[in-house]
Amino acid sequence: MASQPNKPVAEFRMGLVKAVVWRNESDKGPWYNVTIVRLYQQEGHWNETHSFGRHDLPLVQRVAEQAHSFIYEQKPEVAAEPSAD
């Protein structure tokens, strides 16, 4: 049986900047990661980059805040990331 690809649990978008929230599982329970990208179109195809211009930064801040709020709205024991210790 083929495994299903991991799907994001939330996505926040402002203009061409988006933040995607991923839920991960570990032996200590679930935790979250966020990917932030800027969309752009080249030769009729949509692409993503992790590079942001000066005018993108306020949008990066806003989607990051939305992702942060989403994670902390989850159950407190689920929102904590695993310790780096």
C-alpha atoms as a PDB file:
ATOM      1  CA  MET A   1       0.000   0.000   0.000  1.00  0.00           C
ATOM      2  CA  ALA A   2       1.479   3.377  -1.037  1.00  0.00           C
ATOM      3  CA  SER A   3       1.702   6.031   1.660  1.00  0.00           C
ATOM      4  CA  GLN A   4      -0.268   9.241   1.269  1.00  0.00           C
ATOM      5  CA  PRO A   5       1.797  12.440   0.983  1.00  0.00           C
ATOM      6  CA  ASN A   6       1.662  14.657   4.046  1.00  0.00           C
ATOM      7  CA  LYS A   7      -0.933  17.410   3.538  1.00  0.00           C
ATOM      8  CA  PRO A   8      -0.760  20.826   5.203  1.00  0.00           C
ATOM      9  CA  VAL A   9      -3.151  21.483   8.079  1.00  0.00           C
ATOM     10  CA  ALA A  10      -3.459  25.205   7.295  1.00  0.00           C
ATOM     11  CA  GLU A  11      -2.463  27.758   4.680  1.00  0.00           C
ATOM     12  CA  PHE A  12      -2.390  31.547   5.003  1.00  0.00           C
ATOM     13  CA  ARG A  13      -1.950  33.823   2.012  1.00  0.00           C
ATOM     14  CA  MET A  14      -1.536  37.553   1.494  1.00  0.00           C
ATOM     15  CA  GLY A  15      -0.932  38.597  -2.078  1.00  0.00           C
ATOM     16  CA  LEU A  16       1.766  36.337  -3.499  1.00  0.00           C
ATOM     17  CA  VAL A  17       3.184  35.337  -0.093  1.00  0.00           C
ATOM     18  CA  LYS A  18       1.883  32.239   1.672  1.00  0.00           C
ATOM     19  CA  ALA A  19       2.622  30.307   4.837  1.00  0.00           C
ATOM     20  CA  VAL A  20       1.826  26.607   5.006  1.00  0.00           C
ATOM     21  CA  VAL A  21       1.528  24.821   8.375  1.00  0.00           C
ATOM     22  CA  TRP A  22       2.558  21.160   8.538  1.00  0.00           C
ATOM     23  CA  ARG A  23       1.689  18.771  11.368  1.00  0.00           C
ATOM     24  CA  ASN A  24       4.383  16.231  12.206  1.00  0.00           C
ATOM     25  CA  GLU A  25       4.255  13.201  14.453  1.00  0.00           C
ATOM     26  CA  SER A  26       6.980  11.972  16.777  1.00  0.00           C
ATOM     27  CA  ASP A  27       7.202   9.587  19.700  1.00  0.00           C
ATOM     28  CA  LYS A  28       6.620  12.634  21.951  1.00  0.00           C
ATOM     29  CA  GLY A  29       3.440  13.592  20.085  1.00  0.00           C
ATOM     30  CA  PRO A  30       2.545  15.979  17.280  1.00  0.00           C
ATOM     31  CA  TRP A  31       4.393  19.212  16.492  1.00  0.00           C
ATOM     32  CA  TYR A  32       4.286  21.826  13.714  1.00  0.00           C
ATOM     33  CA  ASN A  33       6.533  23.382  11.068  1.00  0.00           C
ATOM     34  CA  VAL A  34       5.815  26.347   8.811  1.00  0.00           C
ATOM     35  CA  THR A  35       7.003  26.921   5.246  1.00  0.00           C
ATOM     36  CA  ILE A  36       6.834  30.463   3.836  1.00  0.00           C
ATOM     37  CA  VAL A  37       7.137  31.056   0.091  1.00  0.00           C
ATOM     38  CA  ARG A  38       6.570  33.755  -2.507  1.00  0.00           C
ATOM     39  CA  LEU A  39       4.704  32.786  -5.659  1.00  0.00           C
ATOM     40  CA  TYR A  40       5.778  34.076  -9.059  1.00  0.00           C
ATOM     41  CA  GLN A  41       4.888  33.328 -12.646  1.00  0.00           C
ATOM     42  CA  GLN A  42       7.513  32.589 -15.278  1.00  0.00           C
ATOM     43  CA  GLU A  43       6.693  31.646 -18.862  1.00  0.00           C
ATOM     44  CA  GLY A  44       3.087  30.923 -17.904  1.00  0.00           C
ATOM     45  CA  HIS A  45       3.979  28.550 -15.043  1.00  0.00           C
ATOM     46  CA  TRP A  46       3.592  29.268 -11.336  1.00  0.00           C
ATOM     47  CA  ASN A  47       6.673  28.722  -9.181  1.00  0.00           C
ATOM     48  CA  GLU A  48       7.668  29.235  -5.549  1.00  0.00           C
ATOM     49  CA  THR A  49      10.762  30.841  -4.069  1.00  0.00           C
ATOM     50  CA  HIS A  50      12.084  31.330  -0.548  1.00  0.00           C
ATOM     51  CA  SER A  51      13.602  34.690  -1.530  1.00  0.00           C
ATOM     52  CA  PHE A  52      11.730  37.853  -0.560  1.00  0.00           C
ATOM     53  CA  GLY A  53      12.100  41.464  -1.608  1.00  0.00           C
ATOM     54  CA  ARG A  54      11.781  44.452   0.676  1.00  0.00           C
ATOM     55  CA  HIS A  55       8.112  44.932  -0.235  1.00  0.00           C
ATOM     56  CA  ASP A  56       7.340  41.274   0.544  1.00  0.00           C
ATOM     57  CA  LEU A  57       8.555  41.465   4.142  1.00  0.00           C
ATOM     58  CA  PRO A  58       5.389  42.998   5.671  1.00  0.00           C
ATOM     59  CA  LEU A  59       3.396  40.186   4.033  1.00  0.00           C
ATOM     60  CA  VAL A  60       5.869  37.602   5.363  1.00  0.00           C
ATOM     61  CA  GLN A  61       5.368  39.060   8.838  1.00  0.00           C
ATOM     62  CA  ARG A  62       1.587  38.867   8.569  1.00  0.00           C
ATOM     63  CA  VAL A  63       1.363  35.280   7.309  1.00  0.00           C
ATOM     64  CA  ALA A  64       3.952  34.223   9.909  1.00  0.00           C
ATOM     65  CA  GLU A  65       1.786  35.772  12.646  1.00  0.00           C
ATOM     66  CA  GLN A  66      -1.287  33.972  11.299  1.00  0.00           C
ATOM     67  CA  ALA A  67       0.576  30.647  11.248  1.00  0.00           C
ATOM     68  CA  HIS A  68       1.871  31.277  14.771  1.00  0.00           C
ATOM     69  CA  SER A  69      -1.647  32.017  16.043  1.00  0.00           C
ATOM     70  CA  PHE A  70      -3.032  28.904  14.352  1.00  0.00           C
ATOM     71  CA  ILE A  71      -0.430  26.689  16.024  1.00  0.00           C
ATOM     72  CA  TYR A  72      -1.112  28.166  19.457  1.00  0.00           C
ATOM     73  CA  GLU A  73      -4.866  27.764  19.003  1.00  0.00           C
ATOM     74  CA  GLN A  74      -4.295  24.024  18.884  1.00  0.00           C
ATOM     75  CA  LYS A  75      -4.253  22.111  22.161  1.00  0.00           C
ATOM     76  CA  PRO A  76      -1.348  23.410  24.285  1.00  0.00           C
ATOM     77  CA  GLU A  77       0.235  19.979  24.552  1.00  0.00           C
ATOM     78  CA  VAL A  78       0.188  19.691  20.754  1.00  0.00           C
ATOM     79  CA  ALA A  79       1.551  23.140  19.917  1.00  0.00           C
ATOM     80  CA  ALA A  80       4.902  22.671  21.644  1.00  0.00           C
ATOM     81  CA  GLU A  81       7.818  21.758  19.417  1.00  0.00           C
ATOM     82  CA  PRO A  82      10.150  18.965  20.475  1.00  0.00           C
ATOM     83  CA  SER A  83      13.080  20.154  22.532  1.00  0.00           C
ATOM     84  CA  ALA A  84      16.484  20.465  20.857  1.00  0.00           C
ATOM     85  CA  ASP A  85      18.092  18.972  23.996  1.00  0.00           C
END
